[in-house]
């Protein structure tokens, strides 16, 4: 069985336009129908294409007893919008924008003192990537969210839910 990635087309705000931009270009759009932002198919930092759906080719249905040759079939698995480029490791524009927005919101929480705001901002970087520091960031985040109240916590969750690492997401919002 062999596999290859198709190309994804994503708007600069992170909406998936097509995970088949190479094999089905007729579904591509210059601008996002949800937010109007420009769309891209390549990492702006390194120029590599954004990975989309996975096409896997395999053989099936042959029978040497009945004299039937196997038939080649292709199975496609849908792609998803990634936060970081697979080739250079840098955050995509939608990831950068989400991190900046979450950090800006953290500065608005008057319920936190200056040191807590700085801790919350630093924790955002560690929530987005899955590293040993992620667990510390989860603990800090959980400790600070009751202080900002339900509305503040919900606003921050709305920004971070699609950006943070899966482990952090499960720990924060099971």
N, C-alpha and C. Protein backbone atom coordinates (compact mmCIF):
# COMPACT_ATOMS: atom_id res chain seq x y z
N UNK A 1 0.84 -1.16 0.00
CA UNK A 1 0.00 0.00 0.00
C UNK A 1 0.90 1.24 0.00
N UNK A 2 0.57 2.20 -0.83
CA UNK A 2 1.32 3.45 -0.86
C UNK A 2 0.38 4.59 -0.51
N UNK A 3 0.93 5.65 0.07
CA UNK A 3 0.13 6.79 0.48
C UNK A 3 0.80 8.09 0.06
N UNK A 4 -0.03 9.11 -0.15
CA UNK A 4 0.48 10.44 -0.44
C UNK A 4 -0.52 11.46 0.10
N UNK A 5 0.02 12.63 0.44
CA UNK A 5 -0.83 13.72 0.89
C UNK A 5 -1.31 14.54 -0.29
N UNK A 6 -2.56 14.94 -0.23
CA UNK A 6 -3.07 15.95 -1.15
C UNK A 6 -2.68 17.29 -0.53
N UNK A 7 -3.06 18.37 -1.16
CA UNK A 7 -2.75 19.70 -0.66
C UNK A 7 -4.00 20.31 -0.04
N UNK A 8 -3.82 20.91 1.14
CA UNK A 8 -4.93 21.59 1.80
C UNK A 8 -4.92 23.07 1.43
N UNK A 9 -6.11 23.63 1.33
CA UNK A 9 -6.26 25.07 1.16
C UNK A 9 -6.98 25.58 2.40
N UNK A 10 -6.34 26.55 3.06
CA UNK A 10 -6.84 27.07 4.33
C UNK A 10 -6.84 28.59 4.26
N UNK A 11 -7.84 29.21 4.87
CA UNK A 11 -7.82 30.68 4.89
C UNK A 11 -6.88 31.14 6.00
N UNK A 12 -6.50 32.38 5.96
CA UNK A 12 -5.54 32.91 6.93
C UNK A 12 -6.08 32.94 8.35
N UNK A 13 -7.40 32.71 8.50
CA UNK A 13 -7.99 32.61 9.84
C UNK A 13 -8.17 31.17 10.29
N UNK A 14 -7.73 30.20 9.46
CA UNK A 14 -7.74 28.80 9.86
C UNK A 14 -8.93 27.98 9.42
N UNK A 15 -9.80 28.51 8.56
CA UNK A 15 -10.92 27.71 8.06
C UNK A 15 -10.45 26.83 6.90
N UNK A 16 -10.75 25.54 6.98
CA UNK A 16 -10.40 24.61 5.91
C UNK A 16 -11.32 24.84 4.72
N UNK A 17 -10.74 25.18 3.58
CA UNK A 17 -11.51 25.38 2.36
C UNK A 17 -11.62 24.06 1.62
N UNK A 18 -10.49 23.37 1.47
CA UNK A 18 -10.45 22.08 0.79
C UNK A 18 -9.23 21.30 1.26
N UNK A 19 -9.41 20.03 1.52
CA UNK A 19 -8.25 19.19 1.81
C UNK A 19 -7.84 18.39 0.56
N UNK A 20 -8.45 18.76 -0.60
CA UNK A 20 -8.16 18.14 -1.89
C UNK A 20 -7.81 19.20 -2.94
N UNK A 21 -7.06 20.23 -2.58
CA UNK A 21 -6.80 21.35 -3.49
C UNK A 21 -6.02 20.93 -4.73
N UNK A 22 -5.24 19.87 -4.63
CA UNK A 22 -4.47 19.40 -5.79
C UNK A 22 -5.32 18.49 -6.67
N UNK A 23 -5.98 17.51 -6.08
CA UNK A 23 -6.74 16.54 -6.87
C UNK A 23 -8.12 17.05 -7.29
N UNK A 24 -8.65 18.02 -6.59
CA UNK A 24 -9.98 18.58 -6.91
C UNK A 24 -9.92 20.11 -6.89
N UNK A 25 -9.13 20.71 -7.78
CA UNK A 25 -8.95 22.17 -7.74
C UNK A 25 -10.23 22.97 -7.98
N UNK A 26 -11.25 22.32 -8.53
CA UNK A 26 -12.51 23.04 -8.79
C UNK A 26 -13.19 23.50 -7.50
N UNK A 27 -12.79 22.95 -6.35
CA UNK A 27 -13.37 23.36 -5.07
C UNK A 27 -12.54 24.43 -4.36
N UNK A 28 -11.46 24.85 -4.97
CA UNK A 28 -10.60 25.88 -4.37
C UNK A 28 -11.28 27.25 -4.49
N UNK A 29 -10.93 28.12 -3.54
CA UNK A 29 -11.49 29.46 -3.52
C UNK A 29 -10.36 30.44 -3.19
N UNK A 30 -10.40 31.61 -3.80
CA UNK A 30 -9.38 32.62 -3.53
C UNK A 30 -9.58 33.25 -2.14
N UNK A 31 -10.85 33.35 -1.74
CA UNK A 31 -11.18 33.93 -0.44
C UNK A 31 -12.13 33.01 0.32
N UNK A 32 -12.06 33.06 1.62
CA UNK A 32 -12.87 32.20 2.48
C UNK A 32 -14.33 32.62 2.46
N UNK A 33 -15.24 31.68 2.23
CA UNK A 33 -16.67 32.02 2.25
C UNK A 33 -17.19 32.30 3.67
N UNK A 34 -16.45 31.90 4.71
CA UNK A 34 -16.89 32.12 6.09
C UNK A 34 -16.47 33.48 6.65
N UNK A 35 -15.25 33.94 6.28
CA UNK A 35 -14.75 35.18 6.89
C UNK A 35 -14.17 36.17 5.88
N UNK A 36 -14.03 35.77 4.63
CA UNK A 36 -13.53 36.67 3.60
C UNK A 36 -12.02 36.78 3.51
N UNK A 37 -11.30 36.05 4.36
CA UNK A 37 -9.84 36.13 4.35
C UNK A 37 -9.27 35.41 3.13
N UNK A 38 -8.08 35.83 2.73
CA UNK A 38 -7.37 35.18 1.63
C UNK A 38 -7.03 33.74 2.02
N UNK A 39 -6.92 32.88 1.01
CA UNK A 39 -6.59 31.48 1.27
C UNK A 39 -5.17 31.17 0.81
N UNK A 40 -4.58 30.13 1.42
CA UNK A 40 -3.22 29.72 1.07
C UNK A 40 -3.16 28.20 0.96
N UNK A 41 -2.18 27.72 0.19
CA UNK A 41 -1.93 26.29 0.07
C UNK A 41 -0.49 25.95 0.46
N UNK A 42 0.28 26.98 0.81
CA UNK A 42 1.69 26.79 1.16
C UNK A 42 2.01 27.52 2.45
N UNK A 43 3.00 27.01 3.16
CA UNK A 43 3.50 27.68 4.35
C UNK A 43 4.16 28.99 3.93
N UNK A 44 3.77 30.11 4.52
CA UNK A 44 4.38 31.38 4.13
C UNK A 44 5.85 31.51 4.54
N UNK A 45 6.29 30.67 5.48
CA UNK A 45 7.68 30.74 5.93
C UNK A 45 8.63 29.93 5.06
N UNK A 46 8.23 28.72 4.68
CA UNK A 46 9.16 27.86 3.93
C UNK A 46 8.69 27.51 2.52
N UNK A 47 7.41 27.77 2.21
CA UNK A 47 6.90 27.51 0.87
C UNK A 47 6.42 26.09 0.62
N UNK A 48 6.55 25.19 1.59
CA UNK A 48 6.05 23.82 1.42
C UNK A 48 4.53 23.81 1.40
N UNK A 49 3.96 22.89 0.63
CA UNK A 49 2.50 22.80 0.58
C UNK A 49 1.96 22.32 1.93
N UNK A 50 0.75 22.76 2.23
CA UNK A 50 0.08 22.36 3.47
C UNK A 50 -0.54 20.98 3.24
N UNK A 51 -0.25 20.05 4.14
CA UNK A 51 -0.75 18.68 3.97
C UNK A 51 -2.26 18.62 4.15
N UNK A 52 -2.91 17.94 3.19
CA UNK A 52 -4.35 17.77 3.23
C UNK A 52 -4.74 16.32 3.43
N UNK A 53 -5.72 15.87 2.66
CA UNK A 53 -6.21 14.50 2.75
C UNK A 53 -5.10 13.51 2.39
N UNK A 54 -5.21 12.30 2.92
CA UNK A 54 -4.25 11.23 2.61
C UNK A 54 -4.92 10.26 1.64
N UNK A 55 -4.26 10.03 0.51
CA UNK A 55 -4.73 9.07 -0.48
C UNK A 55 -3.87 7.82 -0.36
N UNK A 56 -4.51 6.68 -0.06
CA UNK A 56 -3.79 5.41 0.06
C UNK A 56 -4.26 4.47 -1.05
N UNK A 57 -3.31 3.90 -1.78
CA UNK A 57 -3.61 2.99 -2.88
C UNK A 57 -3.30 1.56 -2.44
N UNK A 58 -4.21 0.64 -2.75
CA UNK A 58 -4.01 -0.77 -2.39
C UNK A 58 -4.65 -1.66 -3.44
N UNK A 59 -4.27 -2.93 -3.44
CA UNK A 59 -4.83 -3.92 -4.37
C UNK A 59 -5.85 -4.78 -3.65
N UNK A 60 -6.94 -5.13 -4.36
CA UNK A 60 -7.97 -5.96 -3.75
C UNK A 60 -8.70 -6.77 -4.83
N UNK A 61 -9.33 -7.87 -4.43
CA UNK A 61 -10.25 -8.59 -5.29
C UNK A 61 -9.68 -9.56 -6.30
N UNK A 62 -8.41 -9.78 -6.31
CA UNK A 62 -7.84 -10.72 -7.28
C UNK A 62 -8.04 -12.16 -6.86
N UNK A 63 -8.03 -13.06 -7.84
CA UNK A 63 -8.14 -14.49 -7.56
C UNK A 63 -7.36 -15.26 -8.63
N UNK A 64 -6.30 -15.93 -8.21
CA UNK A 64 -5.54 -16.69 -9.20
C UNK A 64 -6.31 -17.93 -9.64
N UNK A 65 -7.24 -18.43 -8.80
CA UNK A 65 -8.03 -19.60 -9.16
C UNK A 65 -9.07 -19.28 -10.21
N UNK A 66 -9.64 -18.09 -10.14
CA UNK A 66 -10.66 -17.69 -11.11
C UNK A 66 -10.07 -16.88 -12.26
N UNK A 67 -8.78 -16.64 -12.20
CA UNK A 67 -8.11 -15.92 -13.27
C UNK A 67 -8.40 -14.42 -13.29
N UNK A 68 -8.76 -13.86 -12.12
CA UNK A 68 -9.04 -12.43 -12.05
C UNK A 68 -7.84 -11.69 -11.47
N UNK A 69 -7.43 -10.65 -12.16
CA UNK A 69 -6.31 -9.86 -11.61
C UNK A 69 -6.83 -8.97 -10.48
N UNK A 70 -5.96 -8.60 -9.55
CA UNK A 70 -6.39 -7.68 -8.49
C UNK A 70 -6.71 -6.30 -9.08
N UNK A 71 -7.57 -5.60 -8.38
CA UNK A 71 -8.00 -4.26 -8.79
C UNK A 71 -7.34 -3.24 -7.86
N UNK A 72 -6.83 -2.18 -8.46
CA UNK A 72 -6.22 -1.12 -7.64
C UNK A 72 -7.31 -0.17 -7.17
N UNK A 73 -7.36 0.08 -5.88
CA UNK A 73 -8.35 1.00 -5.29
C UNK A 73 -7.61 2.08 -4.49
N UNK A 74 -8.28 3.20 -4.34
CA UNK A 74 -7.72 4.29 -3.55
C UNK A 74 -8.70 4.66 -2.44
N UNK A 75 -8.18 4.74 -1.24
CA UNK A 75 -8.97 5.14 -0.09
C UNK A 75 -8.45 6.52 0.33
N UNK A 76 -9.35 7.42 0.66
CA UNK A 76 -8.96 8.77 1.07
C UNK A 76 -9.41 9.04 2.49
N UNK A 77 -8.50 9.56 3.29
CA UNK A 77 -8.80 9.95 4.66
C UNK A 77 -8.72 11.47 4.72
N UNK A 78 -9.75 12.08 5.24
CA UNK A 78 -9.81 13.54 5.29
C UNK A 78 -8.67 14.12 6.11
N UNK A 79 -8.21 15.28 5.69
CA UNK A 79 -7.18 16.00 6.40
C UNK A 79 -7.80 16.94 7.43
N UNK A 80 -6.98 17.56 8.23
CA UNK A 80 -7.45 18.53 9.20
C UNK A 80 -6.51 19.73 9.17
N UNK A 81 -6.96 20.82 9.72
CA UNK A 81 -6.14 22.02 9.74
C UNK A 81 -5.11 21.87 10.85
N UNK A 82 -3.87 21.90 10.47
CA UNK A 82 -2.77 21.77 11.43
C UNK A 82 -2.38 23.14 11.97
N UNK A 83 -1.75 23.16 13.13
CA UNK A 83 -1.30 24.41 13.74
C UNK A 83 0.09 24.81 13.28
N UNK A 84 0.93 23.81 12.98
CA UNK A 84 2.33 24.06 12.64
C UNK A 84 2.68 23.40 11.32
N UNK A 85 3.62 23.99 10.60
CA UNK A 85 4.08 23.44 9.33
C UNK A 85 4.87 22.16 9.56
N UNK A 86 4.58 21.15 8.77
CA UNK A 86 5.28 19.87 8.89
C UNK A 86 6.73 19.97 8.41
N UNK A 87 7.03 20.96 7.59
CA UNK A 87 8.37 21.05 7.00
C UNK A 87 9.33 21.93 7.80
N UNK A 88 8.84 23.07 8.30
CA UNK A 88 9.74 23.98 9.02
C UNK A 88 9.41 24.11 10.50
N UNK A 89 8.25 23.62 10.93
CA UNK A 89 7.89 23.65 12.34
C UNK A 89 7.34 24.97 12.84
N UNK A 90 7.25 25.96 11.99
CA UNK A 90 6.75 27.27 12.43
C UNK A 90 5.23 27.27 12.44
N UNK A 91 4.64 28.11 13.30
CA UNK A 91 3.17 28.17 13.33
C UNK A 91 2.63 28.78 12.04
N UNK A 92 1.51 28.24 11.59
CA UNK A 92 0.83 28.81 10.44
C UNK A 92 0.23 30.17 10.86
N UNK A 93 -0.16 31.02 9.91
CA UNK A 93 -0.69 32.35 10.26
C UNK A 93 -1.88 32.30 11.22
N UNK A 94 -2.80 31.34 11.07
CA UNK A 94 -3.96 31.24 11.95
C UNK A 94 -3.54 30.87 13.36
N UNK A 95 -2.49 30.09 13.51
CA UNK A 95 -1.99 29.74 14.84
C UNK A 95 -1.37 30.97 15.49
N UNK A 96 -0.53 31.67 14.74
CA UNK A 96 0.09 32.90 15.24
C UNK A 96 -0.97 33.90 15.70
N UNK A 97 -1.99 34.10 14.86
CA UNK A 97 -3.05 35.06 15.18
C UNK A 97 -3.82 34.64 16.44
N UNK A 98 -4.09 33.36 16.58
CA UNK A 98 -4.80 32.87 17.76
C UNK A 98 -4.00 33.06 19.03
N UNK A 99 -2.70 32.78 18.96
CA UNK A 99 -1.83 32.96 20.13
C UNK A 99 -1.78 34.44 20.52
N UNK A 100 -1.59 35.31 19.53
CA UNK A 100 -1.54 36.75 19.80
C UNK A 100 -2.86 37.25 20.40
N UNK A 101 -3.98 36.76 19.89
CA UNK A 101 -5.29 37.17 20.39
C UNK A 101 -5.50 36.69 21.82
N UNK A 102 -5.13 35.46 22.11
CA UNK A 102 -5.28 34.93 23.47
C UNK A 102 -4.40 35.70 24.45
N UNK A 103 -3.19 36.04 24.03
CA UNK A 103 -2.31 36.82 24.90
C UNK A 103 -2.85 38.22 25.14
N UNK A 104 -3.42 38.82 24.11
CA UNK A 104 -4.02 40.15 24.26
C UNK A 104 -5.20 40.10 25.23
N UNK A 105 -6.01 39.04 25.13
CA UNK A 105 -7.14 38.89 26.04
C UNK A 105 -6.65 38.71 27.48
N UNK A 106 -5.57 37.96 27.66
CA UNK A 106 -5.01 37.74 29.00
C UNK A 106 -4.66 39.07 29.67
N UNK A 107 -4.22 40.05 28.89
CA UNK A 107 -3.88 41.37 29.45
C UNK A 107 -5.13 42.14 29.89
N UNK A 108 -6.29 41.77 29.39
CA UNK A 108 -7.53 42.47 29.71
C UNK A 108 -8.16 42.01 31.02
N UNK A 109 -7.70 40.93 31.58
CA UNK A 109 -8.31 40.38 32.80
C UNK A 109 -7.89 41.20 34.02
N UNK A 110 -8.74 42.14 34.40
CA UNK A 110 -8.45 43.00 35.55
C UNK A 110 -8.49 42.23 36.87
N UNK A 111 -9.10 41.04 36.85
CA UNK A 111 -9.18 40.23 38.06
C UNK A 111 -7.82 39.63 38.44
N UNK A 112 -6.90 39.61 37.49
CA UNK A 112 -5.56 39.07 37.73
C UNK A 112 -4.58 40.21 38.02
N UNK A 113 -3.59 39.92 38.85
CA UNK A 113 -2.55 40.92 39.05
C UNK A 113 -1.54 40.82 37.90
N UNK A 114 -0.59 41.73 37.85
CA UNK A 114 0.35 41.78 36.74
C UNK A 114 1.14 40.48 36.59
N UNK A 115 1.58 39.91 37.70
CA UNK A 115 2.36 38.67 37.65
C UNK A 115 1.52 37.52 37.10
N UNK A 116 0.24 37.46 37.49
CA UNK A 116 -0.64 36.40 37.00
C UNK A 116 -0.93 36.56 35.51
N UNK A 117 -1.08 37.79 35.05
CA UNK A 117 -1.29 38.03 33.62
C UNK A 117 -0.08 37.55 32.81
N UNK A 118 1.11 37.84 33.30
CA UNK A 118 2.34 37.39 32.63
C UNK A 118 2.42 35.87 32.64
N UNK A 119 2.07 35.25 33.76
CA UNK A 119 2.06 33.78 33.83
C UNK A 119 1.08 33.19 32.84
N UNK A 120 -0.10 33.79 32.74
CA UNK A 120 -1.11 33.29 31.82
C UNK A 120 -0.64 33.43 30.38
N UNK A 121 -0.05 34.56 30.05
CA UNK A 121 0.48 34.74 28.69
C UNK A 121 1.54 33.70 28.37
N UNK A 122 2.47 33.46 29.28
CA UNK A 122 3.52 32.47 29.05
C UNK A 122 2.93 31.06 28.93
N UNK A 123 1.88 30.79 29.66
CA UNK A 123 1.25 29.47 29.61
C UNK A 123 0.59 29.20 28.26
N UNK A 124 0.14 30.23 27.59
CA UNK A 124 -0.53 30.06 26.30
C UNK A 124 0.42 29.41 25.29
N UNK A 125 1.67 29.88 25.22
CA UNK A 125 2.65 29.26 24.32
C UNK A 125 2.82 27.78 24.63
N UNK A 126 2.83 27.44 25.92
CA UNK A 126 3.05 26.05 26.32
C UNK A 126 1.82 25.18 26.16
N UNK A 127 0.63 25.77 26.08
CA UNK A 127 -0.59 25.00 25.82
C UNK A 127 -0.70 24.63 24.35
N UNK A 128 -0.16 25.47 23.48
CA UNK A 128 -0.28 25.25 22.04
C UNK A 128 0.64 24.13 21.56
N UNK A 129 1.77 23.96 22.20
CA UNK A 129 2.70 22.90 21.81
C UNK A 129 2.68 21.79 22.85
N UNK A 130 2.89 20.58 22.42
CA UNK A 130 2.87 19.43 23.32
C UNK A 130 4.31 19.15 23.76
N UNK A 131 4.70 19.72 24.90
CA UNK A 131 6.04 19.56 25.45
C UNK A 131 5.94 19.23 26.93
N UNK A 132 7.04 18.96 27.60
CA UNK A 132 6.98 18.74 29.05
C UNK A 132 6.40 19.94 29.82
N UNK A 133 6.52 21.13 29.28
CA UNK A 133 5.98 22.32 29.94
C UNK A 133 4.46 22.41 29.84
N UNK A 134 3.85 21.63 28.97
CA UNK A 134 2.41 21.70 28.78
C UNK A 134 1.64 21.37 30.05
N UNK A 135 2.09 20.39 30.80
CA UNK A 135 1.39 20.01 32.04
C UNK A 135 1.42 21.14 33.06
N UNK A 136 2.53 21.84 33.16
CA UNK A 136 2.62 22.99 34.07
C UNK A 136 1.65 24.09 33.60
N UNK A 137 1.60 24.30 32.30
CA UNK A 137 0.70 25.31 31.75
C UNK A 137 -0.76 24.97 32.04
N UNK A 138 -1.11 23.69 31.95
CA UNK A 138 -2.48 23.26 32.25
C UNK A 138 -2.83 23.58 33.70
N UNK A 139 -1.92 23.27 34.62
CA UNK A 139 -2.16 23.54 36.05
C UNK A 139 -2.32 25.04 36.28
N UNK A 140 -1.44 25.85 35.70
CA UNK A 140 -1.55 27.31 35.85
C UNK A 140 -2.87 27.83 35.29
N UNK A 141 -3.21 27.35 34.11
CA UNK A 141 -4.44 27.79 33.45
C UNK A 141 -5.65 27.46 34.33
N UNK A 142 -5.71 26.25 34.84
CA UNK A 142 -6.82 25.84 35.70
C UNK A 142 -6.88 26.67 36.98
N UNK A 143 -5.73 27.05 37.49
CA UNK A 143 -5.66 27.85 38.71
C UNK A 143 -6.14 29.28 38.47
N UNK A 144 -5.83 29.84 37.30
CA UNK A 144 -6.16 31.23 37.02
C UNK A 144 -7.57 31.45 36.48
N UNK A 145 -8.14 30.48 35.80
CA UNK A 145 -9.45 30.68 35.17
C UNK A 145 -10.57 31.00 36.16
N UNK A 146 -10.62 30.38 37.35
CA UNK A 146 -11.69 30.77 38.29
C UNK A 146 -11.61 32.25 38.69
N UNK A 147 -10.42 32.82 38.69
CA UNK A 147 -10.25 34.24 39.05
C UNK A 147 -10.82 35.17 37.99
N UNK A 148 -10.79 34.76 36.71
CA UNK A 148 -11.28 35.64 35.64
C UNK A 148 -12.78 35.47 35.42
N UNK A 149 -13.38 34.47 36.00
CA UNK A 149 -14.82 34.27 35.88
C UNK A 149 -15.21 33.49 34.63
N UNK A 150 -16.47 33.11 34.59
CA UNK A 150 -16.98 32.27 33.50
C UNK A 150 -16.87 32.95 32.14
N UNK A 151 -17.21 34.23 32.05
CA UNK A 151 -17.19 34.92 30.76
C UNK A 151 -15.76 35.02 30.22
N UNK A 152 -14.82 35.35 31.08
CA UNK A 152 -13.43 35.44 30.65
C UNK A 152 -12.88 34.09 30.24
N UNK A 153 -13.18 33.07 31.04
CA UNK A 153 -12.71 31.72 30.74
C UNK A 153 -13.31 31.20 29.44
N UNK A 154 -14.60 31.48 29.22
CA UNK A 154 -15.26 31.04 27.98
C UNK A 154 -14.68 31.75 26.76
N UNK A 155 -14.38 33.04 26.91
CA UNK A 155 -13.80 33.79 25.79
C UNK A 155 -12.42 33.24 25.42
N UNK A 156 -11.62 32.93 26.42
CA UNK A 156 -10.29 32.37 26.17
C UNK A 156 -10.40 30.96 25.58
N UNK A 157 -11.35 30.18 26.06
CA UNK A 157 -11.56 28.83 25.51
C UNK A 157 -11.94 28.91 24.03
N UNK A 158 -12.80 29.85 23.67
CA UNK A 158 -13.23 29.98 22.27
C UNK A 158 -12.05 30.26 21.35
N UNK A 159 -11.07 30.99 21.84
CA UNK A 159 -9.88 31.28 21.03
C UNK A 159 -8.97 30.07 20.96
N UNK A 160 -8.77 29.41 22.09
CA UNK A 160 -7.75 28.36 22.20
C UNK A 160 -8.20 26.96 21.79
N UNK A 161 -9.49 26.69 21.77
CA UNK A 161 -9.99 25.32 21.59
C UNK A 161 -9.44 24.63 20.35
N UNK A 162 -9.25 25.34 19.26
CA UNK A 162 -8.74 24.72 18.05
C UNK A 162 -7.22 24.79 17.93
N UNK A 163 -6.58 25.50 18.86
CA UNK A 163 -5.13 25.70 18.77
C UNK A 163 -4.30 24.82 19.70
N UNK A 164 -4.84 24.56 20.87
CA UNK A 164 -3.99 23.90 21.87
C UNK A 164 -3.79 22.42 21.56
N UNK A 165 -2.72 21.89 22.12
CA UNK A 165 -2.35 20.48 21.93
C UNK A 165 -3.45 19.58 22.47
N UNK A 166 -3.61 18.42 21.86
CA UNK A 166 -4.69 17.50 22.24
C UNK A 166 -4.64 17.12 23.72
N UNK A 167 -3.46 16.85 24.24
CA UNK A 167 -3.34 16.48 25.65
C UNK A 167 -3.83 17.59 26.56
N UNK A 168 -3.47 18.83 26.25
CA UNK A 168 -3.91 19.97 27.03
C UNK A 168 -5.42 20.15 26.90
N UNK A 169 -5.94 19.96 25.70
CA UNK A 169 -7.38 20.11 25.48
C UNK A 169 -8.16 19.12 26.34
N UNK A 170 -7.69 17.87 26.37
CA UNK A 170 -8.39 16.85 27.16
C UNK A 170 -8.28 17.14 28.66
N UNK A 171 -7.15 17.68 29.09
CA UNK A 171 -6.97 17.99 30.51
C UNK A 171 -7.81 19.20 30.94
N UNK A 172 -7.96 20.17 30.04
CA UNK A 172 -8.70 21.39 30.39
C UNK A 172 -10.20 21.25 30.20
N UNK A 173 -10.60 20.62 29.11
CA UNK A 173 -12.02 20.53 28.78
C UNK A 173 -12.38 19.09 28.39
N UNK A 174 -12.47 18.21 29.40
CA UNK A 174 -12.73 16.78 29.09
C UNK A 174 -14.09 16.53 28.46
